[in-house]
Amino acid sequence: MPEITLTPDFYHYLQQKHLTDHNLILLVDDGGGKYSLQGGACSIGTNFSIIDVDEPDADYPILLTNTQGVRLWTSNYDLVFCGTGLKLDYRHVSIAITDDAHMMLDGTVQLVKGADVLAAFQAGVKLSNGGC
């Protein structure tokens, strides 16, 4: 199984949000997935989001192992954009994701409820005007 490091600061952030026992999805936020908040062709691989879901989602079947036991899921597609040494950190009042090959994959990872994203999309609301 792929591994991810959750820094103590990030884990503490999850504790404060009461999310350590939730199912979370780490995804590349490129406008193509059902939980994608932003993106477009020019931002593929540069925006990431963490989605809080009630149950595991079959579209994200890969569990990222971590020492804290947080249930953090992803997909083969999303892993394409992540190298070895994947790490989530909380610093400067935002979530950052890095790997061994990149100083920073994304310094402003969003954390949102999956149900809210799906409800907004169903109502025709686009949650971000970003992208290209």
N, C-alpha and C. Protein backbone atom coordinates (compact mmCIF):
# COMPACT_ATOMS: atom_id res chain seq x y z
N MET A 1 0.84 -1.19 0.00
CA MET A 1 0.00 0.00 0.00
C MET A 1 0.88 1.25 0.00
N PRO A 2 0.46 2.27 -0.72
CA PRO A 2 1.20 3.54 -0.70
C PRO A 2 1.16 4.15 0.70
N GLU A 3 2.21 4.87 1.04
CA GLU A 3 2.30 5.49 2.35
C GLU A 3 2.24 7.01 2.23
N ILE A 4 1.79 7.64 3.30
CA ILE A 4 1.80 9.09 3.41
C ILE A 4 2.18 9.44 4.85
N THR A 5 2.97 10.48 4.98
CA THR A 5 3.32 10.98 6.30
C THR A 5 2.38 12.11 6.66
N LEU A 6 1.79 12.00 7.83
CA LEU A 6 0.96 13.08 8.37
C LEU A 6 1.78 13.71 9.49
N THR A 7 2.17 14.96 9.32
CA THR A 7 2.99 15.61 10.34
C THR A 7 2.18 15.78 11.62
N PRO A 8 2.85 15.93 12.75
CA PRO A 8 2.13 16.17 14.00
C PRO A 8 1.21 17.40 13.91
N ASP A 9 1.63 18.44 13.23
CA ASP A 9 0.79 19.63 13.09
C ASP A 9 -0.48 19.33 12.29
N PHE A 10 -0.34 18.54 11.21
CA PHE A 10 -1.51 18.19 10.42
C PHE A 10 -2.45 17.28 11.21
N TYR A 11 -1.89 16.30 11.91
CA TYR A 11 -2.72 15.41 12.71
C TYR A 11 -3.45 16.19 13.81
N HIS A 12 -2.77 17.12 14.43
CA HIS A 12 -3.39 17.97 15.45
C HIS A 12 -4.54 18.78 14.83
N TYR A 13 -4.35 19.28 13.63
CA TYR A 13 -5.41 20.00 12.92
C TYR A 13 -6.62 19.08 12.71
N LEU A 14 -6.39 17.84 12.29
CA LEU A 14 -7.49 16.90 12.13
C LEU A 14 -8.19 16.63 13.46
N GLN A 15 -7.41 16.53 14.53
CA GLN A 15 -7.99 16.34 15.86
C GLN A 15 -8.89 17.51 16.22
N GLN A 16 -8.44 18.72 15.99
CA GLN A 16 -9.24 19.91 16.31
C GLN A 16 -10.55 19.93 15.53
N LYS A 17 -10.52 19.41 14.30
CA LYS A 17 -11.71 19.36 13.44
C LYS A 17 -12.54 18.10 13.68
N HIS A 18 -12.09 17.24 14.60
CA HIS A 18 -12.77 15.97 14.92
C HIS A 18 -12.90 15.08 13.68
N LEU A 19 -11.81 14.99 12.91
CA LEU A 19 -11.81 14.23 11.66
C LEU A 19 -10.90 13.00 11.68
N THR A 20 -10.25 12.72 12.78
CA THR A 20 -9.29 11.62 12.79
C THR A 20 -9.92 10.25 12.57
N ASP A 21 -11.22 10.12 12.84
CA ASP A 21 -11.88 8.84 12.63
C ASP A 21 -12.83 8.86 11.43
N HIS A 22 -12.72 9.88 10.59
CA HIS A 22 -13.55 9.98 9.38
C HIS A 22 -12.84 9.32 8.20
N ASN A 23 -13.60 9.08 7.14
CA ASN A 23 -13.04 8.66 5.87
C ASN A 23 -12.72 9.92 5.08
N LEU A 24 -11.48 10.06 4.68
CA LEU A 24 -11.03 11.23 3.93
C LEU A 24 -10.49 10.78 2.59
N ILE A 25 -10.71 11.59 1.58
CA ILE A 25 -10.20 11.30 0.24
C ILE A 25 -9.22 12.38 -0.14
N LEU A 26 -8.03 11.96 -0.57
CA LEU A 26 -7.05 12.89 -1.11
C LEU A 26 -7.14 12.80 -2.63
N LEU A 27 -7.42 13.94 -3.26
CA LEU A 27 -7.54 13.92 -4.72
C LEU A 27 -6.86 15.12 -5.35
N VAL A 28 -6.46 14.90 -6.59
CA VAL A 28 -5.96 15.99 -7.41
C VAL A 28 -7.19 16.73 -7.90
N ASP A 29 -7.25 17.99 -7.58
CA ASP A 29 -8.44 18.79 -7.87
C ASP A 29 -8.28 19.45 -9.24
N ASP A 30 -8.64 18.69 -10.27
CA ASP A 30 -8.39 19.15 -11.64
C ASP A 30 -9.67 19.37 -12.45
N GLY A 31 -10.81 19.37 -11.79
CA GLY A 31 -12.06 19.61 -12.49
C GLY A 31 -12.68 18.37 -13.09
N GLY A 32 -12.04 17.21 -12.96
CA GLY A 32 -12.54 16.02 -13.62
C GLY A 32 -13.27 15.04 -12.72
N GLY A 33 -13.05 15.09 -11.42
CA GLY A 33 -13.66 14.13 -10.52
C GLY A 33 -14.97 14.62 -9.95
N LYS A 34 -15.71 13.70 -9.35
CA LYS A 34 -17.03 14.07 -8.84
C LYS A 34 -16.97 14.99 -7.64
N TYR A 35 -15.81 15.09 -6.96
CA TYR A 35 -15.67 16.00 -5.83
C TYR A 35 -14.78 17.20 -6.18
N SER A 36 -14.44 17.36 -7.44
CA SER A 36 -13.49 18.39 -7.83
C SER A 36 -14.07 19.78 -7.70
N LEU A 37 -13.38 20.61 -6.94
CA LEU A 37 -13.85 21.96 -6.64
C LEU A 37 -13.33 23.00 -7.61
N GLN A 38 -12.25 22.73 -8.26
CA GLN A 38 -11.60 23.72 -9.10
C GLN A 38 -10.83 22.99 -10.18
N GLY A 39 -10.08 23.74 -10.95
CA GLY A 39 -9.18 23.10 -11.89
C GLY A 39 -9.48 23.41 -13.33
N GLY A 40 -8.82 22.67 -14.16
CA GLY A 40 -8.84 22.84 -15.59
C GLY A 40 -7.53 22.31 -16.12
N ALA A 41 -7.39 22.29 -17.42
CA ALA A 41 -6.21 21.69 -18.05
C ALA A 41 -4.90 22.30 -17.56
N CYS A 42 -4.88 23.59 -17.31
CA CYS A 42 -3.61 24.22 -16.92
C CYS A 42 -3.26 24.00 -15.45
N SER A 43 -4.17 23.43 -14.67
CA SER A 43 -3.88 23.24 -13.25
C SER A 43 -3.76 21.77 -12.84
N ILE A 44 -3.75 20.87 -13.81
CA ILE A 44 -3.68 19.45 -13.48
C ILE A 44 -2.40 19.16 -12.70
N GLY A 45 -2.57 18.58 -11.54
CA GLY A 45 -1.44 18.21 -10.71
C GLY A 45 -0.94 19.30 -9.78
N THR A 46 -1.60 20.46 -9.78
CA THR A 46 -1.14 21.56 -8.93
C THR A 46 -2.11 21.90 -7.81
N ASN A 47 -3.33 21.40 -7.88
CA ASN A 47 -4.33 21.64 -6.85
C ASN A 47 -4.77 20.31 -6.26
N PHE A 48 -4.83 20.26 -4.94
CA PHE A 48 -5.26 19.05 -4.24
C PHE A 48 -6.36 19.43 -3.26
N SER A 49 -7.23 18.48 -2.97
CA SER A 49 -8.27 18.65 -1.96
C SER A 49 -8.37 17.39 -1.12
N ILE A 50 -8.84 17.57 0.09
CA ILE A 50 -9.17 16.46 0.97
C ILE A 50 -10.67 16.54 1.19
N ILE A 51 -11.34 15.44 0.90
CA ILE A 51 -12.79 15.40 0.96
C ILE A 51 -13.21 14.48 2.11
N ASP A 52 -14.02 15.01 2.99
CA ASP A 52 -14.56 14.26 4.14
C ASP A 52 -15.84 13.57 3.69
N VAL A 53 -15.83 12.23 3.70
CA VAL A 53 -17.00 11.46 3.26
C VAL A 53 -17.47 10.54 4.39
N ASP A 54 -18.75 10.22 4.36
CA ASP A 54 -19.32 9.36 5.40
C ASP A 54 -18.83 7.92 5.30
N GLU A 55 -18.71 7.43 4.09
CA GLU A 55 -18.31 6.05 3.83
C GLU A 55 -17.22 6.05 2.77
N PRO A 56 -16.40 5.00 2.73
CA PRO A 56 -15.44 4.90 1.63
C PRO A 56 -16.16 4.97 0.29
N ASP A 57 -15.51 5.54 -0.70
CA ASP A 57 -16.07 5.71 -2.04
C ASP A 57 -15.33 4.77 -2.98
N ALA A 58 -16.06 3.95 -3.72
CA ALA A 58 -15.47 2.95 -4.61
C ALA A 58 -14.58 3.58 -5.68
N ASP A 59 -14.77 4.85 -5.99
CA ASP A 59 -13.93 5.53 -6.98
C ASP A 59 -12.54 5.86 -6.42
N TYR A 60 -12.38 5.73 -5.10
CA TYR A 60 -11.11 6.03 -4.42
C TYR A 60 -10.76 4.83 -3.53
N PRO A 61 -10.31 3.71 -4.15
CA PRO A 61 -10.16 2.46 -3.41
C PRO A 61 -8.82 2.24 -2.72
N ILE A 62 -7.88 3.16 -2.89
CA ILE A 62 -6.54 2.94 -2.36
C ILE A 62 -6.37 3.65 -1.02
N LEU A 63 -6.07 2.87 0.00
CA LEU A 63 -5.85 3.41 1.34
C LEU A 63 -4.39 3.81 1.48
N LEU A 64 -4.16 5.08 1.82
CA LEU A 64 -2.80 5.57 2.06
C LEU A 64 -2.46 5.27 3.52
N THR A 65 -1.49 4.42 3.74
CA THR A 65 -1.14 4.05 5.11
C THR A 65 -0.36 5.19 5.77
N ASN A 66 -0.60 5.32 7.07
CA ASN A 66 0.09 6.35 7.86
C ASN A 66 0.16 5.85 9.30
N THR A 67 1.12 6.37 10.05
CA THR A 67 1.34 5.87 11.41
C THR A 67 0.20 6.20 12.36
N GLN A 68 -0.60 7.21 12.04
CA GLN A 68 -1.71 7.59 12.92
C GLN A 68 -2.98 6.78 12.67
N GLY A 69 -3.01 6.01 11.59
CA GLY A 69 -4.19 5.20 11.29
C GLY A 69 -5.36 5.98 10.73
N VAL A 70 -5.12 7.18 10.21
CA VAL A 70 -6.18 7.97 9.58
C VAL A 70 -6.57 7.29 8.28
N ARG A 71 -7.88 7.13 8.06
CA ARG A 71 -8.38 6.51 6.83
C ARG A 71 -8.39 7.57 5.73
N LEU A 72 -7.31 7.57 4.96
CA LEU A 72 -7.11 8.53 3.88
C LEU A 72 -7.03 7.75 2.58
N TRP A 73 -8.02 7.95 1.72
CA TRP A 73 -8.19 7.18 0.50
C TRP A 73 -7.77 8.02 -0.71
N THR A 74 -7.43 7.33 -1.79
CA THR A 74 -7.13 8.00 -3.06
C THR A 74 -7.36 7.01 -4.19
N SER A 75 -6.97 7.39 -5.40
CA SER A 75 -7.15 6.52 -6.56
C SER A 75 -5.82 6.39 -7.31
N ASN A 76 -5.76 5.43 -8.22
CA ASN A 76 -4.57 5.29 -9.05
C ASN A 76 -4.33 6.56 -9.86
N TYR A 77 -5.39 7.16 -10.38
CA TYR A 77 -5.25 8.41 -11.14
C TYR A 77 -4.57 9.47 -10.29
N ASP A 78 -5.04 9.68 -9.08
CA ASP A 78 -4.50 10.72 -8.22
C ASP A 78 -3.04 10.44 -7.82
N LEU A 79 -2.70 9.17 -7.68
CA LEU A 79 -1.33 8.81 -7.30
C LEU A 79 -0.32 9.13 -8.40
N VAL A 80 -0.78 9.23 -9.65
CA VAL A 80 0.11 9.57 -10.75
C VAL A 80 0.82 10.90 -10.48
N PHE A 81 0.16 11.80 -9.78
CA PHE A 81 0.70 13.13 -9.54
C PHE A 81 1.52 13.23 -8.25
N CYS A 82 1.68 12.11 -7.56
CA CYS A 82 2.38 12.10 -6.27
C CYS A 82 3.59 11.18 -6.34
N GLY A 83 4.71 11.65 -5.84
CA GLY A 83 5.91 10.83 -5.81
C GLY A 83 6.10 10.17 -4.46
N THR A 84 7.24 9.56 -4.29
CA THR A 84 7.57 8.95 -3.00
C THR A 84 7.76 10.05 -1.97
N GLY A 85 7.59 9.69 -0.72
CA GLY A 85 7.76 10.65 0.37
C GLY A 85 6.59 11.60 0.50
N LEU A 86 5.41 11.16 0.11
CA LEU A 86 4.21 11.99 0.18
C LEU A 86 3.95 12.41 1.62
N LYS A 87 3.66 13.70 1.82
CA LYS A 87 3.48 14.21 3.18
C LYS A 87 2.44 15.33 3.20
N LEU A 88 1.58 15.29 4.22
CA LEU A 88 0.63 16.37 4.50
C LEU A 88 1.08 17.09 5.76
N ASP A 89 1.08 18.41 5.69
CA ASP A 89 1.51 19.24 6.81
C ASP A 89 0.50 20.37 6.98
N TYR A 90 0.45 20.91 8.17
CA TYR A 90 -0.38 22.09 8.43
C TYR A 90 0.56 23.18 8.92
N ARG A 91 0.69 24.23 8.10
CA ARG A 91 1.58 25.32 8.46
C ARG A 91 1.07 26.62 7.84
N HIS A 92 1.36 27.69 8.54
CA HIS A 92 0.93 29.01 8.06
C HIS A 92 -0.58 29.04 7.78
N VAL A 93 -1.35 28.40 8.64
CA VAL A 93 -2.81 28.36 8.60
C VAL A 93 -3.34 27.72 7.31
N SER A 94 -2.59 26.78 6.74
CA SER A 94 -3.10 26.06 5.58
C SER A 94 -2.47 24.67 5.51
N ILE A 95 -3.12 23.80 4.75
CA ILE A 95 -2.64 22.44 4.55
C ILE A 95 -1.72 22.44 3.34
N ALA A 96 -0.57 21.79 3.49
CA ALA A 96 0.39 21.68 2.39
C ALA A 96 0.66 20.21 2.10
N ILE A 97 0.85 19.89 0.82
CA ILE A 97 1.22 18.54 0.42
C ILE A 97 2.54 18.62 -0.35
N THR A 98 3.46 17.73 0.02
CA THR A 98 4.76 17.67 -0.63
C THR A 98 5.10 16.22 -0.92
N ASP A 99 6.12 16.03 -1.75
CA ASP A 99 6.72 14.71 -1.93
C ASP A 99 8.21 14.91 -2.13
N ASP A 100 8.95 13.83 -2.28
CA ASP A 100 10.41 13.92 -2.38
C ASP A 100 10.86 14.66 -3.64
N ALA A 101 10.07 14.63 -4.69
CA ALA A 101 10.47 15.25 -5.95
C ALA A 101 10.10 16.72 -6.05
N HIS A 102 9.22 17.19 -5.19
CA HIS A 102 8.72 18.56 -5.27
C HIS A 102 8.84 19.25 -3.92
N MET A 103 9.30 20.46 -3.94
CA MET A 103 9.34 21.22 -2.69
C MET A 103 7.91 21.40 -2.18
N MET A 104 6.98 21.64 -3.11
CA MET A 104 5.58 21.85 -2.73
C MET A 104 4.70 21.42 -3.90
N LEU A 105 3.81 20.47 -3.66
CA LEU A 105 2.81 20.13 -4.67
C LEU A 105 1.68 21.15 -4.63
N ASP A 106 1.23 21.47 -3.41
CA ASP A 106 0.16 22.45 -3.22
C ASP A 106 0.24 22.95 -1.78
N GLY A 107 0.31 24.25 -1.60
CA GLY A 107 0.38 24.84 -0.27
C GLY A 107 -0.94 25.29 0.28
N THR A 108 -2.01 25.09 -0.48
CA THR A 108 -3.35 25.50 -0.04
C THR A 108 -4.37 24.40 -0.33
N VAL A 109 -4.11 23.21 0.20
CA VAL A 109 -5.03 22.08 0.04
C VAL A 109 -6.33 22.40 0.77
N GLN A 110 -7.44 22.22 0.08
CA GLN A 110 -8.75 22.47 0.70
C GLN A 110 -9.25 21.22 1.40
N LEU A 111 -9.97 21.40 2.48
CA LEU A 111 -10.60 20.31 3.22
C LEU A 111 -12.08 20.62 3.31
N VAL A 112 -12.91 19.78 2.66
CA VAL A 112 -14.35 20.05 2.58
C VAL A 112 -15.16 18.77 2.77
N LYS A 113 -16.43 18.94 3.12
CA LYS A 113 -17.36 17.81 3.24
C LYS A 113 -17.83 17.39 1.86
N GLY A 114 -17.69 16.12 1.58
CA GLY A 114 -18.11 15.58 0.29
C GLY A 114 -19.58 15.80 0.01
N ALA A 115 -20.42 15.64 1.03
CA ALA A 115 -21.87 15.83 0.84
C ALA A 115 -22.18 17.26 0.41
N ASP A 116 -21.46 18.23 0.96
CA ASP A 116 -21.68 19.62 0.58
C ASP A 116 -21.29 19.87 -0.88
N VAL A 117 -20.19 19.26 -1.29
CA VAL A 117 -19.74 19.41 -2.68
C VAL A 117 -20.77 18.82 -3.63
N LEU A 118 -21.22 17.60 -3.35
CA LEU A 118 -22.19 16.95 -4.23
C LEU A 118 -23.51 17.71 -4.28
N ALA A 119 -23.96 18.21 -3.13
CA ALA A 119 -25.21 18.98 -3.08
C ALA A 119 -25.08 20.26 -3.89
N ALA A 120 -23.95 20.93 -3.77
CA ALA A 120 -23.75 22.17 -4.53
C ALA A 120 -23.72 21.89 -6.03
N PHE A 121 -23.03 20.82 -6.43
CA PHE A 121 -22.97 20.49 -7.84
C PHE A 121 -24.37 20.13 -8.37
N GLN A 122 -25.14 19.40 -7.57
CA GLN A 122 -26.49 19.02 -7.97
C GLN A 122 -27.37 20.26 -8.14
N ALA A 123 -27.12 21.29 -7.33
CA ALA A 123 -27.89 22.54 -7.43
C ALA A 123 -27.35 23.45 -8.53
N GLY A 124 -26.29 23.01 -9.21
CA GLY A 124 -25.74 23.80 -10.30
C GLY A 124 -24.75 24.87 -9.86
N VAL A 125 -24.30 24.80 -8.63
CA VAL A 125 -23.35 25.77 -8.11
C VAL A 125 -21.94 25.28 -8.38
N LYS A 126 -21.11 26.12 -8.94
CA LYS A 126 -19.69 25.82 -9.09
C LYS A 126 -18.99 26.45 -7.92
N LEU A 127 -18.24 25.65 -7.16
CA LEU A 127 -17.66 26.14 -5.92
C LEU A 127 -16.43 27.00 -6.09
N SER A 128 -15.81 26.97 -7.26
CA SER A 128 -14.63 27.78 -7.48
C SER A 128 -14.65 28.34 -8.89
N ASN A 129 -14.25 29.57 -9.02
CA ASN A 129 -14.15 30.15 -10.35
C ASN A 129 -12.74 30.02 -10.92
N GLY A 130 -11.90 29.28 -10.21
CA GLY A 130 -10.52 29.12 -10.65
C GLY A 130 -10.41 28.21 -11.85
N GLY A 131 -9.21 28.01 -12.30
CA GLY A 131 -8.96 27.14 -13.43
C GLY A 131 -8.78 27.92 -14.70
N CYS A 132 -8.89 27.21 -15.81
CA CYS A 132 -8.67 27.87 -17.10
C CYS A 132 -9.59 27.31 -18.16
